[in-house]
Amino acid sequence: MANATTPPHGIRPLLTVDDLAAILRRAKSTILADLRRAPQRVPRTCTPPGTRRPLWRPEDVEAWLQAAAEQSPTARKKRRRIAAEAAIPAAPAEASARVQGARATPPGEPAQQGPEASA
């Protein structure tokens, strides 16, 4: 795998297919197949002039992994639940009492307890 420390010139080395396979814990053949068949399954490549093999910038791989984590099924469910809770307005007490079958008592009137209270 490429050197993890940043060299004195400040440019981190590009990652090879073998490096990316180790990071993603995938087979090298799977990554190469995904490049052709499903490019969204791998980070964007960087091919400097004069090179023929795919290479990756470490920054692009990190950004791709972060975006994938944010789009995980668990994260999507959580965002949907939060959005649904925010979209449901809080029901007033009178409306919830009507839903439950009880009569809402206007302010200033004593509440009735039931049939035995009127006798």
C-alpha atoms as a PDB file:
ATOM      1  CA  MET A   1       0.000   0.000   0.000  1.00  0.00           C
ATOM      2  CA  ALA A   2       1.137   3.570  -0.595  1.00  0.00           C
ATOM      3  CA  ASN A   3       3.035   5.405   2.099  1.00  0.00           C
ATOM      4  CA  ALA A   4       0.513   6.774   4.623  1.00  0.00           C
ATOM      5  CA  THR A   5       2.618   9.785   5.586  1.00  0.00           C
ATOM      6  CA  THR A   6       2.664  12.938   3.515  1.00  0.00           C
ATOM      7  CA  PRO A   7       6.057  13.504   1.905  1.00  0.00           C
ATOM      8  CA  PRO A   8       7.893  16.829   2.351  1.00  0.00           C
ATOM      9  CA  HIS A   9       6.594  18.186  -0.977  1.00  0.00           C
ATOM     10  CA  GLY A  10       2.993  17.865   0.328  1.00  0.00           C
ATOM     11  CA  ILE A  11       1.609  15.666  -2.450  1.00  0.00           C
ATOM     12  CA  ARG A  12       0.301  12.303  -1.334  1.00  0.00           C
ATOM     13  CA  PRO A  13       1.077   9.391  -3.668  1.00  0.00           C
ATOM     14  CA  LEU A  14      -1.665   8.073  -5.922  1.00  0.00           C
ATOM     15  CA  LEU A  15      -3.274   4.765  -5.006  1.00  0.00           C
ATOM     16  CA  THR A  16      -3.029   1.725  -7.268  1.00  0.00           C
ATOM     17  CA  VAL A  17      -5.677  -0.940  -7.815  1.00  0.00           C
ATOM     18  CA  ASP A  18      -3.930  -3.070  -5.196  1.00  0.00           C
ATOM     19  CA  ASP A  19      -4.025  -0.169  -2.697  1.00  0.00           C
ATOM     20  CA  LEU A  20      -7.706   0.483  -3.348  1.00  0.00           C
ATOM     21  CA  ALA A  21      -8.500  -3.238  -3.068  1.00  0.00           C
ATOM     22  CA  ALA A  22      -6.888  -3.286   0.367  1.00  0.00           C
ATOM     23  CA  ILE A  23      -8.754  -0.151   1.493  1.00  0.00           C
ATOM     24  CA  LEU A  24     -12.159  -1.336   0.241  1.00  0.00           C
ATOM     25  CA  ARG A  25     -11.504  -4.977   1.122  1.00  0.00           C
ATOM     26  CA  ARG A  26     -12.472  -6.104  -2.357  1.00  0.00           C
ATOM     27  CA  ALA A  27     -10.727  -8.266  -4.871  1.00  0.00           C
ATOM     28  CA  LYS A  28      -8.623  -6.477  -7.474  1.00  0.00           C
ATOM     29  CA  SER A  29     -10.637  -8.198 -10.217  1.00  0.00           C
ATOM     30  CA  THR A  30     -13.888  -6.873  -8.722  1.00  0.00           C
ATOM     31  CA  ILE A  31     -12.614  -3.306  -8.770  1.00  0.00           C
ATOM     32  CA  LEU A  32     -11.444  -3.611 -12.366  1.00  0.00           C
ATOM     33  CA  ALA A  33     -14.789  -5.128 -13.406  1.00  0.00           C
ATOM     34  CA  ASP A  34     -16.684  -2.369 -11.576  1.00  0.00           C
ATOM     35  CA  LEU A  35     -14.671   0.272 -13.431  1.00  0.00           C
ATOM     36  CA  ARG A  36     -16.105  -1.043 -16.697  1.00  0.00           C
ATOM     37  CA  ARG A  37     -19.582  -2.214 -15.685  1.00  0.00           C
ATOM     38  CA  ALA A  38     -20.624  -0.079 -12.706  1.00  0.00           C
ATOM     39  CA  PRO A  39     -18.323   2.929 -12.274  1.00  0.00           C
ATOM     40  CA  GLN A  40     -20.469   4.309  -9.420  1.00  0.00           C
ATOM     41  CA  ARG A  41     -19.251   1.405  -7.266  1.00  0.00           C
ATOM     42  CA  VAL A  42     -15.685   2.720  -7.168  1.00  0.00           C
ATOM     43  CA  PRO A  43     -14.192   6.169  -6.573  1.00  0.00           C
ATOM     44  CA  ARG A  44     -13.388   8.429  -9.502  1.00  0.00           C
ATOM     45  CA  THR A  45     -10.075   7.570 -11.140  1.00  0.00           C
ATOM     46  CA  CYS A  46      -7.158   9.866 -11.848  1.00  0.00           C
ATOM     47  CA  THR A  47      -5.121   9.020 -14.915  1.00  0.00           C
ATOM     48  CA  PRO A  48      -2.167  11.386 -15.348  1.00  0.00           C
ATOM     49  CA  PRO A  49      -0.807  11.837 -18.871  1.00  0.00           C
ATOM     50  CA  GLY A  50       1.428   8.972 -19.907  1.00  0.00           C
ATOM     51  CA  THR A  51      -0.201   6.393 -17.640  1.00  0.00           C
ATOM     52  CA  ARG A  52      -2.469   3.597 -18.771  1.00  0.00           C
ATOM     53  CA  ARG A  53      -3.532   2.018 -15.517  1.00  0.00           C
ATOM     54  CA  PRO A  54      -6.196   3.505 -13.266  1.00  0.00           C
ATOM     55  CA  LEU A  55      -4.968   5.415 -10.236  1.00  0.00           C
ATOM     56  CA  TRP A  56      -6.851   7.134  -7.422  1.00  0.00           C
ATOM     57  CA  ARG A  57      -6.160  10.270  -5.420  1.00  0.00           C
ATOM     58  CA  PRO A  58      -6.445   9.561  -1.676  1.00  0.00           C
ATOM     59  CA  GLU A  59      -8.675  12.653  -1.279  1.00  0.00           C
ATOM     60  CA  ASP A  60     -11.132  11.318  -3.882  1.00  0.00           C
ATOM     61  CA  VAL A  61     -11.283   7.924  -2.165  1.00  0.00           C
ATOM     62  CA  GLU A  62     -11.918   9.548   1.227  1.00  0.00           C
ATOM     63  CA  ALA A  63     -14.677  11.784  -0.205  1.00  0.00           C
ATOM     64  CA  TRP A  64     -16.279   8.812  -1.979  1.00  0.00           C
ATOM     65  CA  LEU A  65     -16.262   6.763   1.222  1.00  0.00           C
ATOM     66  CA  GLN A  66     -17.799   9.665   3.169  1.00  0.00           C
ATOM     67  CA  ALA A  67     -20.554  10.086   0.573  1.00  0.00           C
ATOM     68  CA  ALA A  68     -21.217   6.334   0.630  1.00  0.00           C
ATOM     69  CA  ALA A  69     -21.529   6.398   4.423  1.00  0.00           C
ATOM     70  CA  GLU A  70     -24.044   9.246   4.222  1.00  0.00           C
ATOM     71  CA  GLN A  71     -26.086   7.334   1.640  1.00  0.00           C
ATOM     72  CA  SER A  72     -26.125   4.039   3.527  1.00  0.00           C
ATOM     73  CA  PRO A  73     -29.574   2.453   4.063  1.00  0.00           C
ATOM     74  CA  THR A  74     -29.379   3.168   7.793  1.00  0.00           C
ATOM     75  CA  ALA A  75     -28.626   6.849   7.202  1.00  0.00           C
ATOM     76  CA  ARG A  76     -31.447   7.132   4.626  1.00  0.00           C
ATOM     77  CA  LYS A  77     -33.960   5.575   7.042  1.00  0.00           C
ATOM     78  CA  LYS A  78     -32.894   7.944   9.796  1.00  0.00           C
ATOM     79  CA  ARG A  79     -33.222  10.999   7.519  1.00  0.00           C
ATOM     80  CA  ARG A  80     -36.668   9.823   6.342  1.00  0.00           C
ATOM     81  CA  ARG A  81     -37.863   9.296   9.912  1.00  0.00           C
ATOM     82  CA  ILE A  82     -36.649  12.753  10.983  1.00  0.00           C
ATOM     83  CA  ALA A  83     -38.311  14.351   7.950  1.00  0.00           C
ATOM     84  CA  ALA A  84     -41.576  12.498   8.608  1.00  0.00           C
ATOM     85  CA  GLU A  85     -41.593  13.567  12.254  1.00  0.00           C
ATOM     86  CA  ALA A  86     -40.969  17.177  11.254  1.00  0.00           C
ATOM     87  CA  ALA A  87     -43.809  17.071   8.686  1.00  0.00           C
ATOM     88  CA  ILE A  88     -46.451  15.857  11.171  1.00  0.00           C
ATOM     89  CA  PRO A  89     -47.949  18.884  12.956  1.00  0.00           C
ATOM     90  CA  ALA A  90     -48.581  18.610  16.667  1.00  0.00           C
ATOM     91  CA  ALA A  91     -52.319  17.926  17.209  1.00  0.00           C
ATOM     92  CA  PRO A  92     -54.137  20.267  19.599  1.00  0.00           C
ATOM     93  CA  ALA A  93     -55.584  18.680  22.764  1.00  0.00           C
ATOM     94  CA  GLU A  94     -59.171  19.199  21.560  1.00  0.00           C
ATOM     95  CA  ALA A  95     -58.538  17.396  18.292  1.00  0.00           C
ATOM     96  CA  SER A  96     -56.874  14.470  20.012  1.00  0.00           C
ATOM     97  CA  ALA A  97     -59.780  14.282  22.505  1.00  0.00           C
ATOM     98  CA  ARG A  98     -62.269  14.098  19.620  1.00  0.00           C
ATOM     99  CA  VAL A  99     -60.243  11.362  17.982  1.00  0.00           C
ATOM    100  CA  GLN A 100     -60.408   9.345  21.197  1.00  0.00           C
ATOM    101  CA  GLY A 101     -64.218   9.773  21.359  1.00  0.00           C
ATOM    102  CA  ALA A 102     -64.300  12.149  24.339  1.00  0.00           C
ATOM    103  CA  ARG A 103     -66.097  15.491  24.292  1.00  0.00           C
ATOM    104  CA  ALA A 104     -63.840  18.498  24.558  1.00  0.00           C
ATOM    105  CA  THR A 105     -64.953  20.739  27.427  1.00  0.00           C
ATOM    106  CA  PRO A 106     -65.044  24.476  26.646  1.00  0.00           C
ATOM    107  CA  PRO A 107     -63.028  26.642  29.004  1.00  0.00           C
ATOM    108  CA  GLY A 108     -64.951  27.630  32.129  1.00  0.00           C
ATOM    109  CA  GLU A 109     -67.360  24.658  32.151  1.00  0.00           C
ATOM    110  CA  PRO A 110     -66.926  21.784  34.613  1.00  0.00           C
ATOM    111  CA  ALA A 111     -65.989  18.476  33.051  1.00  0.00           C
ATOM    112  CA  GLN A 112     -68.611  15.736  33.157  1.00  0.00           C
ATOM    113  CA  GLN A 113     -67.443  12.440  34.613  1.00  0.00           C
ATOM    114  CA  GLY A 114     -69.833  10.149  32.735  1.00  0.00           C
ATOM    115  CA  PRO A 115     -73.458   8.927  32.944  1.00  0.00           C
ATOM    116  CA  GLU A 116     -73.395   8.601  36.760  1.00  0.00           C
ATOM    117  CA  ALA A 117     -72.340  12.252  37.125  1.00  0.00           C
ATOM    118  CA  SER A 118     -75.568  13.545  35.527  1.00  0.00           C
ATOM    119  CA  ALA A 119     -77.835  11.530  37.885  1.00  0.00           C
END
